[in-house]
PDB file of N, CA and C in Angstrom:
ATOM      1  N   MET A   1      23.782 -93.599 138.407  1.00  0.00           N
ATOM      2  CA  MET A   1      25.078 -93.414 137.898  1.00  0.00           C
ATOM      3  C   MET A   1      25.080 -92.376 137.897  1.00  0.00           C
ATOM      4  N   LYS A   2      24.962 -91.479 138.539  1.00  0.00           N
ATOM      5  CA  LYS A   2      25.595 -90.498 139.514  1.00  0.00           C
ATOM      6  C   LYS A   2      26.500 -90.747 140.375  1.00  0.00           C
ATOM      7  N   THR A   3      25.865 -91.322 141.370  1.00  0.00           N
ATOM      8  CA  THR A   3      26.257 -91.896 142.534  1.00  0.00           C
ATOM      9  C   THR A   3      27.618 -92.417 142.541  1.00  0.00           C
ATOM     10  N   VAL A   4      27.833 -93.401 141.399  1.00  0.00           N
ATOM     11  CA  VAL A   4      29.208 -94.130 141.094  1.00  0.00           C
ATOM     12  C   VAL A   4      30.106 -93.080 140.269  1.00  0.00           C
ATOM     13  N   ILE A   5      29.843 -91.805 139.906  1.00  0.00           N
ATOM     14  CA  ILE A   5      30.777 -90.814 139.168  1.00  0.00           C
ATOM     15  C   ILE A   5      31.366 -89.909 140.526  1.00  0.00           C
ATOM     16  N   THR A   6      30.341 -89.620 141.569  1.00  0.00           N
ATOM     17  CA  THR A   6      30.467 -89.119 143.167  1.00  0.00           C
ATOM     18  C   THR A   6      31.638 -89.834 144.147  1.00  0.00           C
ATOM     19  N   VAL A   7      31.731 -90.819 143.760  1.00  0.00           N
ATOM     20  CA  VAL A   7      32.569 -92.444 144.620  1.00  0.00           C
ATOM     21  C   VAL A   7      33.710 -91.712 144.197  1.00  0.00           C
ATOM     22  N   THR A   8      33.753 -92.001 142.486  1.00  0.00           N
ATOM     23  CA  THR A   8      35.102 -91.994 141.644  1.00  0.00           C
ATOM     24  C   THR A   8      35.657 -90.730 142.203  1.00  0.00           C
ATOM     25  N   GLN A   9      34.956 -90.057 141.793  1.00  0.00           N
ATOM     26  CA  GLN A   9      36.000 -88.381 142.467  1.00  0.00           C
ATOM     27  C   GLN A   9      35.786 -88.103 143.482  1.00  0.00           C
ATOM     28  N   ASN A  10      35.471 -88.813 144.685  1.00  0.00           N
ATOM     29  CA  ASN A  10      36.105 -88.777 145.891  1.00  0.00           C
ATOM     30  C   ASN A  10      37.282 -89.946 145.949  1.00  0.00           C
ATOM     31  N   GLN A  11      37.361 -90.852 145.585  1.00  0.00           N
ATOM     32  CA  GLN A  11      38.242 -91.992 145.569  1.00  0.00           C
ATOM     33  C   GLN A  11      40.032 -91.396 144.676  1.00  0.00           C
ATOM     34  N   THR A  12      39.245 -90.774 144.320  1.00  0.00           N
ATOM     35  CA  THR A  12      40.538 -89.528 142.907  1.00  0.00           C
ATOM     36  C   THR A  12      41.097 -88.892 144.142  1.00  0.00           C
ATOM     37  N   SER A  13      40.816 -88.059 144.658  1.00  0.00           N
ATOM     38  CA  SER A  13      40.928 -87.043 145.363  1.00  0.00           C
ATOM     39  C   SER A  13      41.063 -87.571 146.675  1.00  0.00           C
ATOM     40  N   ILE A  14      41.098 -88.607 147.230  1.00  0.00           N
ATOM     41  CA  ILE A  14      41.409 -89.461 147.964  1.00  0.00           C
ATOM     42  C   ILE A  14      42.993 -89.823 147.925  1.00  0.00           C
ATOM     43  N   LYS A  15      43.495 -90.081 146.580  1.00  0.00           N
ATOM     44  CA  LYS A  15      44.222 -91.291 146.118  1.00  0.00           C
ATOM     45  C   LYS A  15      45.023 -89.766 146.116  1.00  0.00           C
ATOM     46  N   LEU A  16      44.900 -88.604 145.341  1.00  0.00           N
ATOM     47  CA  LEU A  16      45.621 -87.314 145.133  1.00  0.00           C
ATOM     48  C   LEU A  16      46.414 -86.729 146.576  1.00  0.00           C
ATOM     49  N   LYS A  17      45.094 -86.493 147.654  1.00  0.00           N
ATOM     50  CA  LYS A  17      45.391 -86.119 148.816  1.00  0.00           C
ATOM     51  C   LYS A  17      46.729 -86.528 149.167  1.00  0.00           C
ATOM     52  N   ALA A  18      46.319 -87.896 149.480  1.00  0.00           N
ATOM     53  CA  ALA A  18      47.784 -88.741 149.848  1.00  0.00           C
ATOM     54  C   ALA A  18      48.681 -88.929 149.235  1.00  0.00           C
ATOM     55  N   ALA A  19      48.738 -88.713 148.270  1.00  0.00           N
ATOM     56  CA  ALA A  19      49.891 -88.757 147.421  1.00  0.00           C
ATOM     57  C   ALA A  19      50.603 -87.193 147.758  1.00  0.00           C
ATOM     58  N   THR A  20      49.870 -86.495 147.163  1.00  0.00           N
ATOM     59  CA  THR A  20      50.128 -84.718 148.013  1.00  0.00           C
ATOM     60  C   THR A  20      50.991 -84.803 149.556  1.00  0.00           C
ATOM     61  N   LEU A  21      50.140 -85.473 150.530  1.00  0.00           N
ATOM     62  CA  LEU A  21      50.592 -85.263 151.832  1.00  0.00           C
ATOM     63  C   LEU A  21      51.777 -85.861 151.595  1.00  0.00           C
ATOM     64  N   GLU A  22      52.550 -86.497 150.810  1.00  0.00           N
ATOM     65  CA  GLU A  22      53.871 -87.620 150.862  1.00  0.00           C
ATOM     66  C   GLU A  22      54.845 -87.113 150.043  1.00  0.00           C
ATOM     67  N   LYS A  23      54.530 -86.294 149.403  1.00  0.00           N
ATOM     68  CA  LYS A  23      55.104 -84.696 148.540  1.00  0.00           C
ATOM     69  C   LYS A  23      55.525 -84.045 149.283  1.00  0.00           C
ATOM     70  N   ILE A  24      54.545 -83.644 149.980  1.00  0.00           N
ATOM     71  CA  ILE A  24      54.993 -82.279 151.109  1.00  0.00           C
ATOM     72  C   ILE A  24      55.945 -82.647 151.908  1.00  0.00           C
ATOM     73  N   GLU A  25      55.962 -84.026 152.512  1.00  0.00           N
ATOM     74  CA  GLU A  25      57.004 -84.833 153.339  1.00  0.00           C
ATOM     75  C   GLU A  25      58.622 -84.724 152.468  1.00  0.00           C
ATOM     76  N   THR A  26      58.376 -85.410 151.413  1.00  0.00           N
ATOM     77  CA  THR A  26      59.287 -85.939 150.772  1.00  0.00           C
ATOM     78  C   THR A  26      60.171 -84.594 149.945  1.00  0.00           C
ATOM     79  N   ASP A  27      59.338 -83.564 149.454  1.00  0.00           N
ATOM     80  CA  ASP A  27      59.787 -82.140 148.662  1.00  0.00           C
ATOM     81  C   ASP A  27      58.856 -81.132 148.953  1.00  0.00           C
ATOM     82  N   TYR A  28      59.020 -80.544 150.038  1.00  0.00           N
ATOM     83  CA  TYR A  28      58.405 -79.770 150.357  1.00  0.00           C
ATOM     84  C   TYR A  28      58.611 -78.136 150.097  1.00  0.00           C
ATOM     85  N   SER A  29      60.110 -78.376 149.885  1.00  0.00           N
ATOM     86  CA  SER A  29      60.171 -76.687 149.019  1.00  0.00           C
ATOM     87  C   SER A  29      59.584 -76.382 147.707  1.00  0.00           C
ATOM     88  N   TYR A  30      59.696 -77.658 147.086  1.00  0.00           N
ATOM     89  CA  TYR A  30      58.657 -77.977 145.380  1.00  0.00           C
ATOM     90  C   TYR A  30      57.362 -77.843 145.402  1.00  0.00           C
ATOM     91  N   VAL A  31      57.047 -78.448 146.374  1.00  0.00           N
ATOM     92  CA  VAL A  31      55.343 -78.208 146.525  1.00  0.00           C
ATOM     93  C   VAL A  31      55.216 -76.994 146.924  1.00  0.00           C
ATOM     94  N   ILE A  32      55.440 -76.150 147.933  1.00  0.00           N
ATOM     95  CA  ILE A  32      55.017 -74.902 147.935  1.00  0.00           C
ATOM     96  C   ILE A  32      55.444 -73.602 146.982  1.00  0.00           C
ATOM     97  N   GLU A  33      56.773 -74.212 146.377  1.00  0.00           N
ATOM     98  CA  GLU A  33      56.843 -73.541 145.016  1.00  0.00           C
ATOM     99  C   GLU A  33      55.867 -73.255 143.778  1.00  0.00           C
ATOM    100  N   VAL A  34      55.929 -74.562 143.755  1.00  0.00           N
ATOM    101  CA  VAL A  34      54.668 -74.876 142.874  1.00  0.00           C
ATOM    102  C   VAL A  34      53.075 -74.377 143.351  1.00  0.00           C
ATOM    103  N   ALA A  35      52.801 -74.185 144.275  1.00  0.00           N
ATOM    104  CA  ALA A  35      51.787 -74.202 145.292  1.00  0.00           C
ATOM    105  C   ALA A  35      51.323 -72.440 145.068  1.00  0.00           C
ATOM    106  N   LYS A  36      52.501 -71.042 145.260  1.00  0.00           N
ATOM    107  CA  LYS A  36      52.964 -70.509 145.467  1.00  0.00           C
ATOM    108  C   LYS A  36      52.668 -69.809 144.047  1.00  0.00           C
ATOM    109  N   LYS A  37      52.943 -70.331 142.977  1.00  0.00           N
ATOM    110  CA  LYS A  37      52.876 -69.556 141.736  1.00  0.00           C
ATOM    111  C   LYS A  37      51.172 -69.826 140.925  1.00  0.00           C
ATOM    112  N   ASN A  38      50.750 -71.126 141.853  1.00  0.00           N
ATOM    113  CA  ASN A  38      49.781 -71.367 140.747  1.00  0.00           C
ATOM    114  C   ASN A  38      48.374 -70.288 141.777  1.00  0.00           C
ATOM    115  N   ILE A  39      48.560 -69.958 142.799  1.00  0.00           N
ATOM    116  CA  ILE A  39      47.499 -69.890 143.302  1.00  0.00           C
ATOM    117  C   ILE A  39      46.965 -68.087 142.580  1.00  0.00           C
ATOM    118  N   PRO A  40      47.770 -66.931 142.047  1.00  0.00           N
ATOM    119  CA  PRO A  40      47.404 -66.140 141.204  1.00  0.00           C
ATOM    120  C   PRO A  40      46.521 -66.605 140.008  1.00  0.00           C
ATOM    121  N   LYS A  41      47.136 -67.697 139.444  1.00  0.00           N
ATOM    122  CA  LYS A  41      46.666 -68.210 138.156  1.00  0.00           C
ATOM    123  C   LYS A  41      45.219 -68.722 138.442  1.00  0.00           C
ATOM    124  N   ILE A  42      45.412 -69.432 139.875  1.00  0.00           N
ATOM    125  CA  ILE A  42      43.405 -69.886 140.256  1.00  0.00           C
ATOM    126  C   ILE A  42      42.492 -68.833 140.574  1.00  0.00           C
ATOM    127  N   GLY A  43      43.043 -67.813 140.885  1.00  0.00           N
ATOM    128  CA  GLY A  43      42.613 -66.393 140.839  1.00  0.00           C
ATOM    129  C   GLY A  43      42.114 -65.910 140.257  1.00  0.00           C
ATOM    130  N   GLN A  44      42.651 -66.298 138.559  1.00  0.00           N
ATOM    131  CA  GLN A  44      42.689 -65.350 137.197  1.00  0.00           C
ATOM    132  C   GLN A  44      41.476 -66.139 136.488  1.00  0.00           C
ATOM    133  N   SER A  45      41.263 -67.208 136.901  1.00  0.00           N
ATOM    134  CA  SER A  45      40.826 -68.339 136.077  1.00  0.00           C
ATOM    135  C   SER A  45      39.700 -68.719 136.335  1.00  0.00           C
ATOM    136  N   ILE A  46      38.904 -68.577 137.880  1.00  0.00           N
ATOM    137  CA  ILE A  46      38.039 -69.072 137.905  1.00  0.00           C
ATOM    138  C   ILE A  46      37.788 -67.618 139.073  1.00  0.00           C
ATOM    139  N   SER A  47      36.369 -68.115 139.369  1.00  0.00           N
ATOM    140  CA  SER A  47      35.700 -67.109 140.309  1.00  0.00           C
ATOM    141  C   SER A  47      34.441 -67.592 141.393  1.00  0.00           C
ATOM    142  N   GLY A  48      34.227 -67.177 142.003  1.00  0.00           N
ATOM    143  CA  GLY A  48      33.261 -67.402 143.367  1.00  0.00           C
ATOM    144  C   GLY A  48      33.082 -66.295 144.352  1.00  0.00           C
ATOM    145  N   VAL A  49      32.130 -66.847 145.081  1.00  0.00           N
ATOM    146  CA  VAL A  49      32.044 -66.113 146.347  1.00  0.00           C
ATOM    147  C   VAL A  49      33.245 -66.309 147.247  1.00  0.00           C
ATOM    148  N   ALA A  50      33.206 -67.057 147.485  1.00  0.00           N
ATOM    149  CA  ALA A  50      34.316 -67.925 148.686  1.00  0.00           C
ATOM    150  C   ALA A  50      35.391 -68.162 147.737  1.00  0.00           C
ATOM    151  N   LEU A  51      35.849 -67.839 146.408  1.00  0.00           N
ATOM    152  CA  LEU A  51      37.394 -68.295 146.614  1.00  0.00           C
ATOM    153  C   LEU A  51      38.440 -67.384 146.884  1.00  0.00           C
ATOM    154  N   ASN A  52      38.284 -66.105 147.291  1.00  0.00           N
ATOM    155  CA  ASN A  52      39.235 -65.205 147.601  1.00  0.00           C
ATOM    156  C   ASN A  52      39.145 -65.255 149.031  1.00  0.00           C
ATOM    157  N   ASP A  53      38.292 -66.262 150.014  1.00  0.00           N
ATOM    158  CA  ASP A  53      38.468 -66.702 151.371  1.00  0.00           C
ATOM    159  C   ASP A  53      39.269 -67.813 150.931  1.00  0.00           C
ATOM    160  N   TYR A  54      39.193 -68.994 149.956  1.00  0.00           N
ATOM    161  CA  TYR A  54      39.934 -70.391 150.079  1.00  0.00           C
ATOM    162  C   TYR A  54      41.267 -70.024 149.630  1.00  0.00           C
ATOM    163  N   LEU A  55      41.416 -68.929 148.697  1.00  0.00           N
ATOM    164  CA  LEU A  55      43.119 -68.710 148.651  1.00  0.00           C
ATOM    165  C   LEU A  55      43.408 -68.239 149.737  1.00  0.00           C
ATOM    166  N   SER A  56      42.917 -67.081 150.211  1.00  0.00           N
ATOM    167  CA  SER A  56      43.726 -66.672 151.359  1.00  0.00           C
ATOM    168  C   SER A  56      44.254 -67.641 152.309  1.00  0.00           C
ATOM    169  N   ILE A  57      43.012 -68.802 152.859  1.00  0.00           N
ATOM    170  CA  ILE A  57      43.627 -69.930 153.654  1.00  0.00           C
ATOM    171  C   ILE A  57      44.636 -70.421 152.670  1.00  0.00           C
ATOM    172  N   TRP A  58      44.557 -70.861 151.712  1.00  0.00           N
ATOM    173  CA  TRP A  58      45.738 -71.886 151.037  1.00  0.00           C
ATOM    174  C   TRP A  58      46.910 -71.125 151.389  1.00  0.00           C
ATOM    175  N   GLU A  59      47.315 -69.753 150.931  1.00  0.00           N
ATOM    176  CA  GLU A  59      48.167 -68.662 151.257  1.00  0.00           C
ATOM    177  C   GLU A  59      49.198 -69.121 152.784  1.00  0.00           C
ATOM    178  N   ASP A  60      47.843 -69.122 153.807  1.00  0.00           N
ATOM    179  CA  ASP A  60      47.759 -69.006 155.009  1.00  0.00           C
ATOM    180  C   ASP A  60      48.446 -70.448 155.362  1.00  0.00           C
ATOM    181  N   ALA A  61      48.465 -71.642 154.459  1.00  0.00           N
ATOM    182  CA  ALA A  61      49.027 -73.207 154.718  1.00  0.00           C
ATOM    183  C   ALA A  61      50.028 -73.036 154.348  1.00  0.00           C
ATOM    184  N   LEU A  62      50.246 -72.580 153.326  1.00  0.00           N
ATOM    185  CA  LEU A  62      51.517 -72.521 152.768  1.00  0.00           C
ATOM    186  C   LEU A  62      52.804 -71.930 153.561  1.00  0.00           C
ATOM    187  N   SER A  63      52.436 -71.054 154.623  1.00  0.00           N
ATOM    188  CA  SER A  63      53.719 -70.908 155.350  1.00  0.00           C
ATOM    189  C   SER A  63      53.901 -71.474 156.825  1.00  0.00           C
ATOM    190  N   ASP A  64      53.143 -72.739 156.712  1.00  0.00           N
ATOM    191  CA  ASP A  64      53.205 -73.397 157.898  1.00  0.00           C
ATOM    192  C   ASP A  64      52.751 -75.218 157.550  1.00  0.00           C
ATOM    193  N   LYS A  65      54.134 -75.550 157.776  1.00  0.00           N
ATOM    194  CA  LYS A  65      53.727 -76.854 157.148  1.00  0.00           C
ATOM    195  C   LYS A  65      52.624 -77.867 157.651  1.00  0.00           C
ATOM    196  N   SER A  66      52.284 -77.805 159.271  1.00  0.00           N
ATOM    197  CA  SER A  66      51.935 -78.599 160.048  1.00  0.00           C
ATOM    198  C   SER A  66      50.459 -78.243 159.456  1.00  0.00           C
ATOM    199  N   MET A  67      49.746 -76.731 159.161  1.00  0.00           N
ATOM    200  CA  MET A  67      48.492 -76.203 158.389  1.00  0.00           C
ATOM    201  C   MET A  67      48.419 -76.863 157.514  1.00  0.00           C
ATOM    202  N   LEU A  68      49.221 -76.514 156.425  1.00  0.00           N
ATOM    203  CA  LEU A  68      49.070 -77.351 155.106  1.00  0.00           C
ATOM    204  C   LEU A  68      48.580 -78.686 155.197  1.00  0.00           C
ATOM    205  N   LYS A  69      49.351 -79.576 155.992  1.00  0.00           N
ATOM    206  CA  LYS A  69      49.056 -81.027 155.939  1.00  0.00           C
ATOM    207  C   LYS A  69      47.936 -81.451 156.511  1.00  0.00           C
ATOM    208  N   ALA A  70      47.487 -80.610 157.394  1.00  0.00           N
ATOM    209  CA  ALA A  70      45.897 -80.560 157.745  1.00  0.00           C
ATOM    210  C   ALA A  70      45.002 -80.564 157.018  1.00  0.00           C
ATOM    211  N   LEU A  71      45.331 -79.165 156.298  1.00  0.00           N
ATOM    212  CA  LEU A  71      44.468 -78.981 155.548  1.00  0.00           C
ATOM    213  C   LEU A  71      44.160 -79.815 154.033  1.00  0.00           C
ATOM    214  N   VAL A  72      45.267 -80.338 153.799  1.00  0.00           N
ATOM    215  CA  VAL A  72      44.976 -81.312 152.775  1.00  0.00           C
ATOM    216  C   VAL A  72      44.779 -82.744 153.147  1.00  0.00           C
ATOM    217  N   ALA A  73      44.674 -82.935 154.653  1.00  0.00           N
ATOM    218  CA  ALA A  73      44.502 -84.127 155.252  1.00  0.00           C
ATOM    219  C   ALA A  73      43.006 -84.558 155.848  1.00  0.00           C
ATOM    220  N   ASP A  74      42.293 -83.219 155.674  1.00  0.00           N
ATOM    221  CA  ASP A  74      40.915 -83.086 156.363  1.00  0.00           C
ATOM    222  C   ASP A  74      39.981 -83.591 155.058  1.00  0.00           C
ATOM    223  N   ASN A  75      39.267 -84.603 155.330  1.00  0.00           N
ATOM    224  CA  ASN A  75      38.683 -85.638 154.504  1.00  0.00           C
ATOM    225  C   ASN A  75      37.008 -84.653 155.049  1.00  0.00           C
ATOM    226  N   SER A  76      36.667 -83.703 155.547  1.00  0.00           N
ATOM    227  CA  SER A  76      35.038 -83.335 155.840  1.00  0.00           C
ATOM    228  C   SER A  76      34.630 -82.506 154.409  1.00  0.00           C
ATOM    229  N   ASP A  77      33.382 -81.873 154.631  1.00  0.00           N
ATOM    230  CA  ASP A  77      33.403 -81.832 153.552  1.00  0.00           C
ATOM    231  C   ASP A  77      34.099 -80.517 152.985  1.00  0.00           C
ATOM    232  N   TYR A  78      34.466 -79.535 154.512  1.00  0.00           N
ATOM    233  CA  TYR A  78      35.164 -78.252 154.249  1.00  0.00           C
ATOM    234  C   TYR A  78      36.355 -78.779 153.621  1.00  0.00           C
ATOM    235  N   GLY A  79      36.978 -79.693 154.132  1.00  0.00           N
ATOM    236  CA  GLY A  79      38.232 -79.912 152.835  1.00  0.00           C
ATOM    237  C   GLY A  79      38.241 -80.686 151.643  1.00  0.00           C
ATOM    238  N   PHE A  80      36.769 -81.170 151.684  1.00  0.00           N
ATOM    239  CA  PHE A  80      36.675 -81.671 150.042  1.00  0.00           C
ATOM    240  C   PHE A  80      36.635 -80.303 148.990  1.00  0.00           C
ATOM    241  N   ASP A  81      35.885 -79.370 150.007  1.00  0.00           N
ATOM    242  CA  ASP A  81      35.680 -77.784 149.374  1.00  0.00           C
ATOM    243  C   ASP A  81      37.047 -77.313 148.667  1.00  0.00           C
ATOM    244  N   MET A  82      37.751 -77.370 149.970  1.00  0.00           N
ATOM    245  CA  MET A  82      39.315 -76.794 149.549  1.00  0.00           C
ATOM    246  C   MET A  82      40.012 -77.798 148.541  1.00  0.00           C
ATOM    247  N   TRP A  83      39.982 -78.927 148.606  1.00  0.00           N
ATOM    248  CA  TRP A  83      40.748 -79.748 147.562  1.00  0.00           C
ATOM    249  C   TRP A  83      40.144 -79.323 146.459  1.00  0.00           C
ATOM    250  N   GLN A  84      38.599 -79.060 145.953  1.00  0.00           N
ATOM    251  CA  GLN A  84      38.485 -78.420 145.406  1.00  0.00           C
ATOM    252  C   GLN A  84      39.416 -77.273 144.162  1.00  0.00           C
ATOM    253  N   ILE A  85      39.779 -76.329 144.999  1.00  0.00           N
ATOM    254  CA  ILE A  85      40.386 -75.318 144.985  1.00  0.00           C
ATOM    255  C   ILE A  85      41.883 -75.769 144.999  1.00  0.00           C
ATOM    256  N   ASN A  86      42.940 -76.220 145.151  1.00  0.00           N
ATOM    257  CA  ASN A  86      43.833 -76.847 145.533  1.00  0.00           C
ATOM    258  C   ASN A  86      45.184 -76.011 144.696  1.00  0.00           C
ATOM    259  N   PRO A  87      46.363 -75.420 145.336  1.00  0.00           N
ATOM    260  CA  PRO A  87      47.162 -75.147 144.341  1.00  0.00           C
ATOM    261  C   PRO A  87      48.335 -75.763 143.847  1.00  0.00           C
ATOM    262  N   PHE A  88      48.049 -77.398 143.715  1.00  0.00           N
ATOM    263  CA  PHE A  88      48.634 -78.612 143.469  1.00  0.00           C
ATOM    264  C   PHE A  88      48.630 -78.828 142.138  1.00  0.00           C
ATOM    265  N   THR A  89      48.315 -78.235 141.484  1.00  0.00           N
ATOM    266  CA  THR A  89      48.638 -78.664 139.622  1.00  0.00           C
ATOM    267  C   THR A  89      49.818 -78.538 139.859  1.00  0.00           C
ATOM    268  N   GLY A  90      50.737 -80.102 138.998  1.00  0.00           N
ATOM    269  CA  GLY A  90      51.942 -79.723 138.474  1.00  0.00           C
ATOM    270  C   GLY A  90      53.051 -80.114 139.754  1.00  0.00           C
ATOM    271  N   ILE A  91      52.615 -80.493 140.737  1.00  0.00           N
ATOM    272  CA  ILE A  91      53.627 -81.366 141.178  1.00  0.00           C
ATOM    273  C   ILE A  91      54.041 -82.703 140.999  1.00  0.00           C
ATOM    274  N   PHE A  92      53.149 -83.215 140.248  1.00  0.00           N
ATOM    275  CA  PHE A  92      53.487 -84.581 139.974  1.00  0.00           C
ATOM    276  C   PHE A  92      53.738 -84.198 138.501  1.00  0.00           C
ATOM    277  N   SER A  93      54.066 -85.331 137.803  1.00  0.00           N
ATOM    278  CA  SER A  93      54.055 -85.468 136.449  1.00  0.00           C
ATOM    279  C   SER A  93      53.004 -86.268 136.115  1.00  0.00           C
ATOM    280  N   PRO A  94      52.640 -86.435 134.690  1.00  0.00           N
ATOM    281  CA  PRO A  94      51.414 -86.976 134.112  1.00  0.00           C
ATOM    282  C   PRO A  94      51.793 -88.033 134.245  1.00  0.00           C
ATOM    283  N   GLU A  95      53.126 -88.692 134.269  1.00  0.00           N
ATOM    284  CA  GLU A  95      53.084 -90.235 134.407  1.00  0.00           C
ATOM    285  C   GLU A  95      53.017 -90.413 136.361  1.00  0.00           C
ATOM    286  N   GLU A  96      53.376 -89.927 137.243  1.00  0.00           N
ATOM    287  CA  GLU A  96      53.227 -90.004 138.913  1.00  0.00           C
ATOM    288  C   GLU A  96      51.769 -89.844 138.851  1.00  0.00           C
ATOM    289  N   ARG A  97      51.352 -88.912 138.072  1.00  0.00           N
ATOM    290  CA  ARG A  97      49.449 -88.943 138.473  1.00  0.00           C
ATOM    291  C   ARG A  97      48.982 -89.840 137.889  1.00  0.00           C
ATOM    292  N   TRP A  98      49.188 -90.402 136.877  1.00  0.00           N
ATOM    293  CA  TRP A  98      48.899 -91.849 136.319  1.00  0.00           C
ATOM    294  C   TRP A  98      48.778 -92.818 137.517  1.00  0.00           C
ATOM    295  N   ASN A  99      49.712 -92.743 137.676  1.00  0.00           N
ATOM    296  CA  ASN A  99      50.485 -93.946 138.642  1.00  0.00           C
ATOM    297  C   ASN A  99      49.656 -93.651 140.038  1.00  0.00           C
ATOM    298  N   ILE A 100      49.577 -92.943 140.434  1.00  0.00           N
ATOM    299  CA  ILE A 100      48.499 -92.541 141.835  1.00  0.00           C
ATOM    300  C   ILE A 100      47.722 -92.755 141.453  1.00  0.00           C
ATOM    301  N   LEU A 101      46.862 -92.224 140.630  1.00  0.00           N
ATOM    302  CA  LEU A 101      45.339 -92.418 140.115  1.00  0.00           C
ATOM    303  C   LEU A 101      45.022 -94.279 139.986  1.00  0.00           C
ATOM    304  N   ARG A 102      46.218 -95.107 139.368  1.00  0.00           N
ATOM    305  CA  ARG A 102      45.782 -96.561 139.363  1.00  0.00           C
ATOM    306  C   ARG A 102      46.606 -97.225 140.233  1.00  0.00           C
ATOM    307  N   GLY A 103      47.127 -96.589 141.463  1.00  0.00           N
ATOM    308  CA  GLY A 103      47.252 -97.534 142.667  1.00  0.00           C
ATOM    309  C   GLY A 103      48.331 -97.986 142.494  1.00  0.00           C
ATOM    310  N   LYS A 104      49.633 -97.415 141.740  1.00  0.00           N
ATOM    311  CA  LYS A 104      50.954 -98.050 141.818  1.00  0.00           C
ATOM    312  C   LYS A 104      52.003 -97.104 141.829  1.00  0.00           C
ATOM    313  N   HIS A 105      51.556 -95.994 142.735  1.00  0.00           N
ATOM    314  CA  HIS A 105      52.358 -94.782 143.538  1.00  0.00           C
ATOM    315  C   HIS A 105      53.046 -95.648 144.627  1.00  0.00           C
ATOM    316  N   GLU A 106      54.483 -94.889 144.659  1.00  0.00           N
ATOM    317  CA  GLU A 106      55.453 -96.209 145.239  1.00  0.00           C
ATOM    318  C   GLU A 106      56.029 -94.892 146.454  1.00  0.00           C
TER     319      GLU A 106
END
């Protein structure tokens, strides 16, 4: 049963990462605006040894579109670790997010 949950979470991440990459291409300014607002909120709501390093990496990536896209697209273990603390909450409306997860994203 745990394997099924892990696969589902990874499929969810893959779908959201793909949609985020698309959103970076189509509405870069908005994505950056939302992400910059979210980074301080992340730091206030969670803690951990690597948190400051992860947030610093995201901050650096927000100033370089190519770096940002590479970080979002990274499907390695490191990429998935970074994705778990991503600053993109709110770039999709609830309906858009639902459609992405259901595979009906345009």
